[in-house]
Protein backbone atom coordinates (compact mmCIF):
# COMPACT_ATOMS: atom_id res chain seq x y z
CA LEU A 1 70.21 36.34 -190.47
CA ALA A 2 70.77 34.19 -187.37
CA GLY A 3 72.87 31.75 -189.41
CA GLY A 4 75.19 34.51 -190.65
CA GLY A 5 73.64 35.04 -194.09
CA ARG A 6 72.31 38.36 -195.39
CA VAL A 7 69.22 39.32 -197.36
CA ALA A 8 69.30 42.58 -199.32
CA VAL A 9 66.15 44.68 -198.88
CA ASP A 10 65.97 47.91 -200.87
CA ARG A 11 62.27 48.76 -200.62
CA GLY A 12 59.61 48.18 -197.97
CA ALA A 13 58.98 44.88 -196.22
CA GLU A 14 57.56 41.62 -197.52
CA GLN A 15 53.90 40.92 -196.81
CA GLY A 16 53.60 39.23 -193.42
CA ASP A 17 57.15 40.09 -192.37
CA PRO A 18 56.93 40.29 -188.54
CA PHE A 19 59.83 42.74 -188.49
CA GLY A 20 58.25 45.16 -190.97
CA SER A 21 57.16 47.64 -188.32
CA LEU A 22 60.58 47.41 -186.64
CA TYR A 23 62.35 48.24 -189.92
CA CYS A 24 60.05 51.22 -190.37
CA GLY A 25 60.57 52.49 -186.84
CA LEU A 26 64.35 52.20 -187.00
CA VAL A 27 64.56 54.06 -190.31
CA LEU A 28 62.19 56.83 -189.18
CA ALA A 29 64.14 57.26 -185.94
CA LEU A 30 67.31 57.73 -188.02
CA VAL A 31 65.54 60.20 -190.34
CA LEU A 32 64.29 62.32 -187.41
CA GLU A 33 67.72 62.30 -185.77
CA ARG A 34 69.36 63.56 -188.96
CA THR A 35 66.60 66.15 -189.39
CA ARG A 36 67.26 67.58 -185.95
CA GLU A 37 71.03 67.65 -186.52
CA ARG A 38 70.65 69.56 -189.81
CA LEU A 39 68.14 72.03 -188.38
CA ALA A 40 70.44 72.73 -185.44
CA ALA A 41 73.26 73.48 -187.89
CA GLU A 42 71.31 75.35 -190.61
CA CYS A 43 68.59 77.21 -188.70
CA PRO A 44 68.97 76.68 -184.94
CA GLU A 45 66.04 78.98 -184.13
CA HIS A 46 63.76 76.40 -185.79
CA ALA A 47 65.43 73.23 -184.48
CA ASN A 48 63.11 72.63 -181.55
CA PHE A 49 60.15 70.44 -182.49
CA ALA A 50 58.41 67.52 -180.82
CA ASP A 51 57.30 64.33 -182.51
CA ALA A 52 55.55 61.09 -181.52
CA TRP A 53 55.25 57.98 -183.68
CA TYR A 54 53.39 54.71 -183.91
CA MET A 55 55.26 52.92 -186.69
CA ASP A 56 54.75 55.23 -189.72
CA ASP A 57 51.94 57.30 -188.15
CA GLY A 58 53.51 60.39 -186.64
CA GLN A 59 52.51 63.66 -185.02
CA LEU A 60 54.91 66.63 -185.25
CA PHE A 61 54.61 69.85 -183.21
CA CYS A 62 56.52 73.10 -183.79
CA VAL A 63 56.00 76.84 -183.79
CA PRO A 64 54.30 78.06 -187.01
CA GLU A 65 57.40 79.94 -188.24
CA ALA A 66 59.40 76.69 -188.26
CA VAL A 67 56.97 74.60 -190.36
CA ASP A 68 58.58 75.32 -193.74
CA ASP A 69 62.13 74.62 -192.63
CA VAL A 70 61.19 71.49 -190.67
CA LEU A 71 59.28 70.01 -193.63
CA ARG A 72 62.04 70.96 -196.09
CA VAL A 73 64.77 69.17 -194.15
CA LEU A 74 62.49 66.25 -193.23
CA ASP A 75 61.57 65.67 -196.89
CA GLU A 76 65.20 65.76 -197.96
CA GLU A 77 66.18 63.21 -195.33
CA LEU A 78 63.18 60.99 -196.18
CA ALA A 79 64.20 61.04 -199.85
CA LYS A 80 67.63 59.66 -198.90
CA VAL A 81 66.00 56.48 -197.56
CA GLY A 82 63.48 56.18 -200.40
CA ALA A 83 60.49 57.58 -198.51
CA THR A 84 58.13 60.46 -199.21
CA ARG A 85 55.16 62.22 -197.65
CA GLY A 86 53.57 62.44 -201.10
CA VAL A 87 52.71 65.39 -203.31
CA GLY A 88 49.59 66.68 -205.02
CA GLN A 89 46.59 64.41 -204.56
CA ASP A 90 48.72 61.78 -202.77
CA VAL A 91 49.64 63.87 -199.74
CA LYS A 92 48.96 62.28 -196.39
CA SER A 93 50.24 65.04 -194.10
CA VAL A 94 47.82 67.48 -192.48
CA ALA A 95 48.94 70.90 -191.22
CA ARG A 96 46.92 73.18 -188.98
CA LEU A 97 47.31 75.68 -186.18
CA VAL A 98 46.23 74.45 -182.75
CA GLY A 99 45.46 76.74 -179.82
CA ARG A 100 42.92 79.11 -178.35
CA GLU A 101 40.41 80.08 -181.00
CA GLU A 102 40.97 83.82 -180.72
CA ALA A 103 44.74 83.37 -180.93
CA VAL A 104 44.84 81.14 -184.01
CA ARG A 105 42.21 83.28 -185.76
CA ALA A 106 44.43 86.34 -185.39
CA TYR A 107 47.62 84.55 -186.41
CA PRO A 108 49.00 85.53 -189.85
CA ASP A 109 48.97 82.98 -192.69
CA ALA A 110 52.63 83.46 -193.54
CA TRP A 111 53.43 79.96 -192.24
CA MET A 112 51.39 78.43 -195.12
CA THR A 113 54.21 78.64 -197.67
CA GLU A 114 54.16 77.09 -201.12
CA ARG A 115 55.92 74.02 -199.74
CA VAL A 116 53.34 73.60 -196.97
CA ARG A 117 50.41 74.03 -199.39
CA GLY A 118 51.90 71.56 -201.84
CA SER A 119 52.74 68.78 -199.39
CA CYS A 120 50.00 69.06 -196.76
CA LYS A 121 46.25 69.11 -196.53
CA LEU A 122 45.04 72.32 -194.88
CA PRO A 123 41.68 71.68 -193.21
CA GLY A 124 41.75 74.89 -191.19
CA ASN A 125 42.80 75.99 -187.73
CA ASN A 126 41.88 73.71 -184.83
CA ALA A 127 40.37 71.28 -187.33
CA PRO A 128 39.58 67.79 -186.03
CA VAL A 129 42.28 65.21 -186.59
CA HIS A 130 42.19 61.41 -186.81
CA VAL A 131 45.01 59.88 -184.72
CA LEU A 132 45.41 56.13 -184.16
CA GLY A 133 41.75 55.43 -184.80
CA VAL A 134 40.37 58.33 -182.73
CA ASP A 135 38.83 61.56 -184.02
CA ILE A 136 40.13 64.39 -181.85
CA GLY A 137 38.06 67.55 -181.91
CA ASN A 138 34.93 69.11 -180.48
CA ALA A 139 31.93 67.29 -178.96
CA GLU A 140 30.19 66.95 -182.32
CA VAL A 141 33.21 65.18 -183.84
CA ARG A 142 33.65 62.84 -180.86
CA ASN A 143 30.04 61.77 -180.68
CA LYS A 144 29.68 61.39 -184.45
CA GLN A 145 32.60 58.96 -184.58
CA PHE A 146 31.18 56.99 -181.65
CA LEU A 147 27.74 56.72 -183.25
CA ASP A 148 29.23 55.82 -186.64
CA THR A 149 31.29 53.09 -184.98
CA ALA A 150 28.24 51.87 -183.05
CA GLU A 151 26.30 51.62 -186.31
CA ALA A 152 29.11 49.61 -187.93
CA VAL A 153 29.27 47.28 -184.92
CA ALA A 154 25.50 46.76 -185.05
CA ALA A 155 25.80 45.82 -188.73
CA GLY A 156 28.48 43.28 -187.78
CA ARG A 157 26.24 41.79 -185.10
CA GLU A 158 23.49 41.28 -187.67
CA LYS A 159 25.88 39.14 -189.69
CA ILE A 160 26.78 37.14 -186.58
CA SER A 161 23.09 36.55 -185.83
CA VAL A 162 22.58 34.45 -188.98
CA LEU A 163 24.92 31.69 -187.82
CA GLY A 164 22.11 29.81 -186.11
CA ASP A 165 24.27 28.59 -183.22
CA VAL A 166 23.69 30.47 -179.97
CA ALA A 167 26.99 29.48 -178.34
CA THR A 168 29.05 30.62 -181.32
CA GLU A 169 27.04 33.82 -181.65
CA LEU A 170 27.58 34.63 -177.97
CA VAL A 171 31.35 34.12 -178.13
CA LEU A 172 31.70 36.08 -181.37
CA THR A 173 29.57 38.92 -180.03
CA ARG A 174 31.77 39.21 -176.93
CA ARG A 175 34.89 38.92 -179.05
CA CYS A 176 34.09 41.32 -181.87
CA GLY A 177 30.58 42.71 -181.48
CA ASP A 178 30.23 44.30 -178.05
CA VAL A 179 31.79 47.19 -176.15
CA CYS A 180 35.28 45.96 -177.08
CA LYS A 181 34.79 47.65 -180.48
CA VAL A 182 34.43 51.10 -178.89
CA THR A 183 36.76 50.70 -175.90
CA HIS A 184 39.48 52.77 -177.59
CA LEU A 185 36.99 55.65 -177.90
CA LEU A 186 35.90 55.25 -174.28
CA ARG A 187 39.53 55.34 -173.15
CA ALA A 188 40.27 58.43 -175.24
CA HIS A 189 37.14 60.50 -174.53
CA GLY A 190 35.52 58.97 -171.45
CA PRO A 191 32.85 61.16 -169.82
CA ASN A 192 33.19 63.67 -172.67
CA LEU A 193 30.99 61.36 -174.78
CA GLU A 194 27.28 62.10 -174.57
CA ALA A 195 25.14 59.76 -172.49
CA ASP A 196 22.63 59.46 -175.35
CA ALA A 197 25.35 58.08 -177.63
CA LEU A 198 26.40 55.49 -175.04
CA ASN A 199 22.81 54.47 -174.38
CA ARG A 200 22.11 53.99 -178.07
CA PHE A 201 25.01 51.56 -178.31
CA ASP A 202 23.79 49.70 -175.21
CA LYS A 203 20.20 49.40 -176.46
CA ASP A 204 21.39 47.90 -179.77
CA LEU A 205 23.51 45.37 -177.85
CA GLU A 206 20.53 44.43 -175.65
CA LYS A 207 18.39 43.81 -178.74
CA ALA A 208 21.08 41.61 -180.29
CA LEU A 209 21.46 39.61 -177.06
CA ALA A 210 17.71 39.05 -176.75
CA LEU A 211 17.55 37.93 -180.38
CA ALA A 212 20.43 35.47 -179.88
CA ILE A 213 18.97 33.74 -176.82
CA GLY A 214 15.42 33.44 -178.02
CA GLY A 215 13.34 36.36 -176.81
CA PRO A 216 13.09 39.58 -174.80
CA LEU A 217 14.76 39.92 -171.42
CA HIS A 218 13.34 41.84 -168.47
CA GLY A 219 15.33 44.63 -166.81
CA GLU A 220 16.96 42.52 -164.09
CA ALA A 221 18.09 39.95 -166.66
CA HIS A 222 19.72 42.68 -168.78
CA LYS A 223 21.51 44.02 -165.70
CA GLN A 224 22.81 40.53 -164.89
CA ALA A 225 23.87 39.88 -168.49
CA ALA A 226 26.02 43.02 -168.36
CA LEU A 227 28.08 41.60 -165.48
CA GLY A 228 31.22 39.52 -165.90
CA VAL A 229 30.70 35.77 -165.81
CA LYS A 230 32.18 35.46 -162.29
CA GLN A 231 29.27 37.54 -161.04
CA GLY A 232 26.75 35.40 -162.94
CA GLY A 233 26.56 37.55 -166.06
CA LEU A 234 27.43 37.01 -169.71
CA GLY A 235 30.12 39.67 -170.03
CA ALA A 236 27.82 41.69 -172.34
CA ARG A 237 29.08 44.91 -170.81
CA LYS A 238 27.42 48.26 -171.42
CA ALA A 239 29.32 51.24 -172.77
CA ALA A 240 27.74 53.36 -170.03
CA ASP A 241 29.28 51.00 -167.43
CA VAL A 242 32.71 50.73 -169.05
CA VAL A 243 33.22 54.42 -169.88
CA LEU A 244 34.62 55.41 -166.45
CA PRO A 245 36.82 52.30 -165.90
CA ALA A 246 38.23 52.65 -169.43
CA PHE A 247 38.92 56.39 -169.18
CA LEU A 248 40.30 56.19 -165.65
CA ALA A 249 42.59 53.25 -166.46
CA SER A 250 43.94 54.99 -169.55
CA ARG A 251 44.60 58.34 -167.87
CA VAL A 252 46.09 56.95 -164.65
CA GLN A 253 48.47 54.52 -166.37
CA ALA A 254 49.59 57.09 -168.96
CA LYS A 255 49.91 60.02 -166.52
CA PRO A 256 53.62 59.64 -165.57
CA LEU A 257 54.67 59.45 -169.23
CA VAL A 258 52.32 62.30 -170.18
CA GLU A 259 53.83 64.46 -167.42
CA LYS A 260 57.35 63.87 -168.74
CA LEU A 261 56.33 64.76 -172.29
CA ALA A 262 54.21 67.71 -171.18
CA ALA A 263 57.08 69.23 -169.21
CA GLN A 264 59.31 69.20 -172.29
CA LEU A 265 56.60 70.55 -174.59
CA THR A 266 55.73 73.31 -172.12
CA GLU A 267 59.38 74.28 -171.84
CA GLN A 268 59.55 74.71 -175.64
CA GLY A 269 56.36 76.77 -175.67
CA LEU A 270 54.39 74.07 -177.51
CA LEU A 271 51.88 73.36 -174.73
CA PRO A 272 49.93 75.62 -172.37
CA VAL A 273 51.19 75.76 -168.80
CA ALA A 274 47.72 74.76 -167.56
CA PHE A 275 47.76 71.44 -169.43
CA GLU A 276 49.01 69.28 -166.55
CA ALA A 277 46.51 70.80 -164.12
CA THR A 278 43.69 70.16 -166.60
CA TYR A 279 44.81 66.55 -167.10
CA GLY A 280 45.00 65.95 -163.34
CA HIS A 281 41.59 67.53 -162.79
CA GLU A 282 39.98 65.21 -165.35
CA VAL A 283 41.53 62.19 -163.62
CA ASP A 284 40.30 63.36 -160.20
CA VAL A 285 36.77 63.97 -161.48
CA ALA A 286 36.61 60.51 -163.10
CA HIS A 287 38.01 58.94 -159.93
CA GLY A 288 35.38 60.62 -157.78
CA ALA A 289 32.54 59.70 -160.15
CA PHE A 290 33.59 56.05 -160.20
CA ALA A 291 34.12 55.86 -156.43
CA ALA A 292 30.58 57.22 -155.95
CA LYS A 293 29.24 54.06 -157.63
CA LEU A 294 30.98 51.82 -155.08
CA SER A 295 30.54 50.97 -151.42
CA PRO A 296 33.07 52.57 -149.00
CA ALA A 297 35.03 49.30 -148.75
CA ARG A 298 35.23 48.93 -152.52
CA ALA A 299 36.12 52.61 -152.89
CA GLU A 300 39.15 51.90 -150.68
CA GLY A 301 40.00 48.97 -152.96
CA LEU A 302 39.75 51.37 -155.90
CA ASP A 303 42.26 53.72 -154.28
CA GLU A 304 44.69 50.84 -153.77
CA LEU A 305 44.33 49.72 -157.39
CA LEU A 306 44.98 53.21 -158.70
CA ALA A 307 47.96 53.67 -156.38
CA ARG A 308 49.58 50.50 -157.76
CA ALA A 309 48.73 51.60 -161.29
CA ARG A 310 50.47 54.95 -160.72
CA GLU A 311 53.57 53.14 -159.46
CA ASP A 312 53.48 50.86 -162.52
CA GLY A 313 53.10 53.85 -164.81
CA GLN A 314 55.98 55.67 -163.15
CA ALA A 315 58.26 52.63 -163.44
CA LYS A 316 57.27 52.20 -167.09
CA ALA A 317 57.91 55.86 -167.91
CA GLU A 318 61.35 55.72 -166.27
CA ALA A 319 62.20 52.51 -168.13
CA LEU A 320 61.17 54.06 -171.44
CA ALA A 321 63.26 57.16 -170.78
CA ALA A 322 66.28 55.04 -169.85
CA GLY A 323 65.86 52.56 -172.70
CA ARG A 324 65.37 49.63 -170.33
CA ALA A 325 63.01 46.67 -170.68
CA LEU A 326 59.54 47.49 -169.40
CA PRO A 327 58.81 46.07 -165.91
CA ARG A 328 55.93 43.68 -165.28
CA PRO A 329 52.85 45.37 -163.78
CA GLN A 330 51.85 44.96 -160.12
CA GLN A 331 48.16 44.54 -160.93
CA ASN A 332 46.45 41.34 -159.78
CA CYS A 333 45.74 40.84 -163.48
CA GLY A 334 48.80 40.64 -165.70
CA SER A 335 48.86 42.53 -168.98
CA SER A 336 49.56 39.47 -171.10
CA ARG A 337 50.71 35.89 -171.12
CA GLU A 338 54.36 35.08 -171.17
CA ALA A 339 55.76 34.70 -174.68
CA GLY A 340 55.87 30.90 -174.56
CA GLU A 341 52.32 30.65 -173.24
CA ALA A 342 50.97 32.78 -176.07
CA LEU A 343 51.82 30.11 -178.64
CA VAL A 344 49.16 27.69 -177.38
CA VAL A 345 45.86 29.19 -176.24
CA PRO A 346 43.81 26.91 -173.97
CA ALA A 347 40.39 25.73 -175.10
CA GLY A 348 38.02 28.67 -174.89
CA GLY A 349 40.93 31.08 -174.45
CA GLU A 350 39.73 33.17 -177.40
CA ASP A 351 36.78 34.33 -175.30
CA PRO A 352 37.62 37.49 -173.32
CA GLU A 353 35.65 36.27 -170.28
CA SER A 354 37.33 32.86 -170.09
CA GLU A 355 40.56 34.13 -168.52
CA PRO A 356 39.88 37.46 -166.80
CA GLY A 357 43.23 37.09 -165.07
CA PHE A 358 44.92 38.11 -168.33
CA GLY A 359 43.61 41.64 -168.18
CA GLY A 360 44.81 44.96 -166.84
CA LEU A 361 43.70 47.89 -164.74
CA GLN A 362 40.55 48.48 -166.78
CA GLN A 363 39.44 44.89 -166.25
CA GLU A 364 40.08 45.12 -162.52
CA LEU A 365 38.03 48.30 -162.30
CA CYS A 366 35.21 46.59 -164.21
CA ALA A 367 35.43 43.67 -161.77
CA LEU A 368 34.95 46.09 -158.85
CA LEU A 369 31.85 47.48 -160.51
CA ASP A 370 30.65 43.93 -161.24
CA GLU A 371 30.87 43.05 -157.55
CA GLN A 372 28.90 46.16 -156.64
CA ARG A 373 26.20 45.52 -159.25
CA GLY A 374 26.03 41.81 -158.34
CA GLU A 375 25.49 42.70 -154.71
CA GLY A 376 22.78 45.12 -155.80
CA LEU A 377 20.94 42.36 -157.66
CA ARG A 378 21.05 40.12 -154.58
CA THR A 379 19.79 42.96 -152.37
CA THR A 380 16.88 43.64 -154.73
CA ALA A 381 15.95 39.94 -154.81
CA THR A 382 16.02 39.85 -151.00
CA GLN A 383 13.89 42.97 -150.62
CA GLN A 384 11.33 41.62 -153.07
CA GLU A 385 11.43 38.16 -151.46
CA ARG A 386 12.38 36.47 -154.71
CA TRP A 387 14.18 33.65 -152.94
CA GLY A 388 14.62 31.53 -156.04
CA ASP A 389 16.44 34.39 -157.82
CA LEU A 390 18.55 34.99 -154.72
CA ARG A 391 19.65 31.32 -154.61
CA ARG A 392 20.39 31.39 -158.32
CA LEU A 393 22.57 34.51 -158.01
CA GLN A 394 24.40 33.22 -154.94
CA GLU A 395 25.20 29.97 -156.69
CA LEU A 396 26.43 31.66 -159.88
CA GLN A 397 28.63 34.05 -157.91
CA ASP A 398 30.21 31.32 -155.79
CA PRO A 399 33.96 31.08 -156.61
CA SER A 400 33.73 27.28 -156.93
CA VAL A 401 31.25 27.43 -159.82
CA SER A 402 32.61 26.75 -163.32
CA HIS A 403 31.36 28.88 -166.20
CA ASP A 404 33.38 27.09 -168.88
CA TRP A 405 30.27 25.91 -170.73
CA LEU A 406 29.69 29.49 -171.89
CA TRP A 407 32.64 29.31 -174.31
CA ALA A 408 32.86 25.52 -174.85
CA LEU A 409 32.26 25.31 -178.60
CA ASN A 410 34.33 22.37 -179.76
CA PRO A 411 33.41 18.88 -178.43
CA VAL A 412 36.99 17.80 -179.16
CA HIS A 413 38.08 19.95 -176.22
CA GLY A 414 35.50 18.58 -173.80
CA ALA A 415 31.81 18.56 -172.99
CA THR A 416 29.54 21.10 -174.69
CA VAL A 417 25.91 22.08 -174.23
CA ALA A 418 23.66 20.79 -177.03
CA PRO A 419 22.90 23.61 -179.51
CA GLY A 420 19.18 23.28 -178.94
CA ASP A 421 19.60 23.70 -175.18
CA PHE A 422 22.19 26.48 -175.06
CA GLY A 423 19.74 29.38 -175.43
CA THR A 424 17.45 27.91 -172.77
CA ALA A 425 20.42 27.43 -170.45
CA LEU A 426 21.34 31.10 -170.88
CA ARG A 427 17.78 32.19 -170.06
CA ILE A 428 17.76 30.01 -166.93
CA ARG A 429 21.13 31.52 -165.92
CA LEU A 430 19.72 35.04 -166.26
CA GLY A 431 16.38 34.26 -164.62
CA ALA A 432 14.66 35.27 -167.86
CA HIS A 433 11.05 34.45 -168.59
CA LEU A 434 10.38 31.20 -170.43
CA THR A 435 6.57 31.50 -170.63
CA ASP A 436 4.26 34.41 -171.37
CA GLU A 437 2.16 33.91 -168.24
CA PRO A 438 2.21 31.65 -165.14
CA VAL A 439 0.28 28.42 -165.80
CA LEU A 440 -0.71 25.32 -163.85
CA CYS A 441 1.82 22.51 -164.24
CA ARG A 442 0.27 20.05 -166.66
CA ARG A 443 2.26 17.14 -165.27
CA CYS A 444 1.47 17.28 -161.55
CA GLY A 445 -1.56 19.55 -161.70
CA LYS A 446 -0.69 20.94 -158.27
CA GLU A 447 1.92 23.65 -158.65
CA ILE A 448 1.97 26.88 -160.66
CA LEU A 449 4.60 26.94 -163.38
CA GLU A 450 5.85 30.52 -162.98
CA ARG A 451 7.31 32.46 -165.92
CA THR A 452 10.88 31.35 -165.13
CA ALA A 453 9.63 27.72 -165.09
CA THR A 454 11.84 26.71 -162.15
CA HIS A 455 9.13 24.26 -161.03
CA ALA A 456 9.76 22.29 -164.23
CA LEU A 457 13.24 21.36 -162.94
CA CYS A 458 11.60 19.80 -159.89
CA CYS A 459 8.68 18.09 -161.62
CA ALA A 460 10.22 16.62 -164.78
CA ALA A 461 10.70 13.11 -163.34
CA PRO A 462 11.36 11.28 -166.66
CA GLU A 463 14.04 13.77 -167.72
CA GLY A 464 15.41 13.75 -164.17
CA THR A 465 15.80 9.97 -164.29
CA HIS A 466 17.43 10.18 -167.70
CA GLY A 467 19.92 12.77 -166.44
CA HIS A 468 20.60 10.68 -163.34
CA TYR A 469 21.64 7.72 -165.47
CA LEU A 470 23.80 9.91 -167.70
CA VAL A 471 25.76 11.06 -164.65
CA ARG A 472 26.07 7.47 -163.40
CA ASP A 473 27.37 6.33 -166.78
CA LYS A 474 30.03 9.07 -166.73
CA LEU A 475 31.22 8.11 -163.24
CA PHE A 476 31.17 4.35 -163.75
CA PRO A 477 34.27 4.16 -166.05
CA LEU A 478 36.22 6.16 -163.46
CA VAL A 479 35.31 3.68 -160.72
CA GLN A 480 36.32 0.83 -163.04
CA LEU A 481 39.83 2.25 -163.24
CA ALA A 482 40.22 1.15 -159.60
CA ASP A 483 37.87 -1.83 -159.60
CA ASN A 484 37.34 -3.91 -162.73
CA ASN A 485 34.61 -5.85 -160.94
CA ALA A 486 32.49 -2.80 -160.17
CA SER A 487 28.91 -3.04 -161.40
CA THR A 488 25.72 -0.98 -161.55
CA GLU A 489 22.20 -1.47 -160.18
CA VAL A 490 23.07 -4.63 -158.22
CA PRO A 491 19.95 -6.44 -156.77
CA GLU A 492 19.65 -8.50 -153.56
CA LEU A 493 21.84 -6.23 -151.46
CA ILE A 494 19.03 -5.97 -148.88
CA PRO A 495 17.88 -9.50 -147.86
CA SER A 496 14.43 -8.32 -146.73
CA ALA A 497 13.86 -6.45 -150.00
CA PRO A 498 15.93 -8.22 -152.68
CA ALA A 499 14.26 -6.32 -155.51
CA LEU A 500 15.61 -2.98 -154.30
CA ARG A 501 18.80 -1.73 -155.90
CA PRO A 502 20.28 0.87 -153.54
CA ALA A 503 23.62 1.06 -155.34
CA ASP A 504 23.96 3.07 -158.53
CA ILE A 505 27.55 1.77 -158.53
CA TYR A 506 28.68 -1.19 -156.40
CA THR A 507 32.37 -1.66 -155.63
CA GLU A 508 34.60 -3.46 -153.13
CA VAL A 509 37.58 -1.07 -153.24
CA ALA A 510 36.10 2.36 -152.44
CA ILE A 511 36.30 1.70 -148.68
CA PRO A 512 39.15 -0.61 -147.58
CA GLY A 513 37.94 -3.83 -145.96
CA THR A 514 34.28 -3.50 -146.88
CA ARG A 515 31.89 -3.20 -149.79
CA ALA A 516 30.37 0.15 -150.81
CA ALA A 517 27.13 1.10 -152.52
CA LEU A 518 27.71 4.45 -154.24
CA ASP A 519 24.47 6.32 -154.80
CA ILE A 520 24.10 9.43 -156.95
CA GLY A 521 21.70 12.20 -156.00
CA ILE A 522 20.78 15.22 -158.11
CA CYS A 523 18.38 17.82 -156.75
CA SER A 524 17.24 21.26 -157.86
CA PRO A 525 17.92 23.97 -155.26
CA ASP A 526 14.24 24.92 -155.65
CA ALA A 527 13.00 21.45 -154.68
CA SER A 528 11.13 21.29 -151.36
CA GLY A 529 13.57 18.71 -149.94
CA ALA A 530 16.77 20.34 -151.17
CA GLY A 531 17.65 21.96 -147.85
CA LEU A 532 20.76 24.07 -147.39
CA ASP A 533 23.31 21.25 -147.73
CA CYS A 534 23.12 18.78 -150.60
CA CYS A 535 24.95 16.00 -148.71
CA GLU A 536 22.69 16.33 -145.68
CA ALA A 537 19.59 16.32 -147.91
CA MET A 538 20.82 13.20 -149.71
CA TRP A 539 21.56 11.39 -146.43
CA ARG A 540 18.14 12.26 -145.03
CA LYS A 541 16.38 11.06 -148.15
CA LYS A 542 18.20 7.70 -148.16
CA ARG A 543 17.57 7.13 -144.44
CA GLU A 544 13.86 7.70 -144.94
CA ARG A 545 13.85 5.36 -147.96
CA TYR A 546 15.74 2.40 -146.46
CA GLU A 547 15.15 2.54 -142.69
CA PRO A 548 12.04 0.27 -142.91
CA TYR A 549 14.27 -2.54 -144.20
């Protein structure tokens, strides 16, 4: 221990011990080193094997003739440290031949010795295998796992939907009920997954989103919801959109390390010579398919991102080979917070869309696609002369706009949207329909209340007045910090019209040497007098109101 004491551990690790995986890795590394040394001394023709481990989950590759000797020595060395691969019904190991179908079919079964049969499951040659959460095999195996996972995720979303709080449901869905639950499969298989499987996942997510926010969404609203929040969306990304960024990010970043491993495996005759060419071809095809979705300028940005990612991957592979600390990535998005920062997560930090800067290459690629899709939505709105939708999208995509309300759940951490209003706010954000059909405004009787009900934000005078006073009451305590004598709604400031109260807040310290009447103006962008500049519109309105006096 750090203080100099010692704790004797003779079996396993205590529950919750943060060093448990480290103990396991160190012991297994020692076991494999001893296994290689003994094989080199006892049967050198069988000493060459390759292995890869994630804690206690390992993959071992060797020529078929060496299987019995490798397992014999490995089991003996494992027994010395109190470990076992199991026997009988408890075996965890799986042994199979892997290669071209005609070759493995013709290979003799002599490698399946009594030891192999007793300590390994034998599912058959080229049988699918489950490695680190991914089923590796033919198309049927890949797509079945994806659909099974999609079904499990849909069942989880149903449980989320009973919470009855839209804000919480939205955050939980993004955190543990959307494409994040299948990202590992997208990274592993990418375009090799069937489009029908991806679309089924996406349709289920769309249904869950519509249910959460109070009704069906039209096509444009669903497209917007699938964007990241910086582009005006909800971060409800589609598997069909993420499949190429996920696959490309995984393959590009892993390529330098894969090439180092592949060269060694090929040298030992454990991997076909064509493997590296096949790997590179898949990367090039995915790169070309993704670039085709982008404008020429963004395609250039994609090339730059991938170039930096290759450099990062190369530096990481060299550091791993040399036993050095891994370098920090060059990506605009870092891979993680610093260790000290990770101890205290900021309010809303649990939501994956709240801090997109703490992402990686995949997130940057998704951001490129978001920009392209966001531009497409604006172009469509312009072509169809839907000026209200265009203004809404431009405002949401402006870098100065805060989206924090989307993950503000706890009033202790700051302002939150009232639960009863959150779903409506989401529908307004997405330009979703709020009424079944356009109707005449019952308040003014002059304008048509279209299905998005934007006219209501211009015509609801009582609620507008109420909101105006709420904003004034939030600002007033701040003014009082500088001027204890500040007051609100002061009369008799205009001698010719003493009943008028032009100052929402009246103070003598805002402007040195004179008194100031601070007036608050709130206007919907869809209002007829909104104009293009809010300050100019406010000034014009006040001049028209007070010039007669």
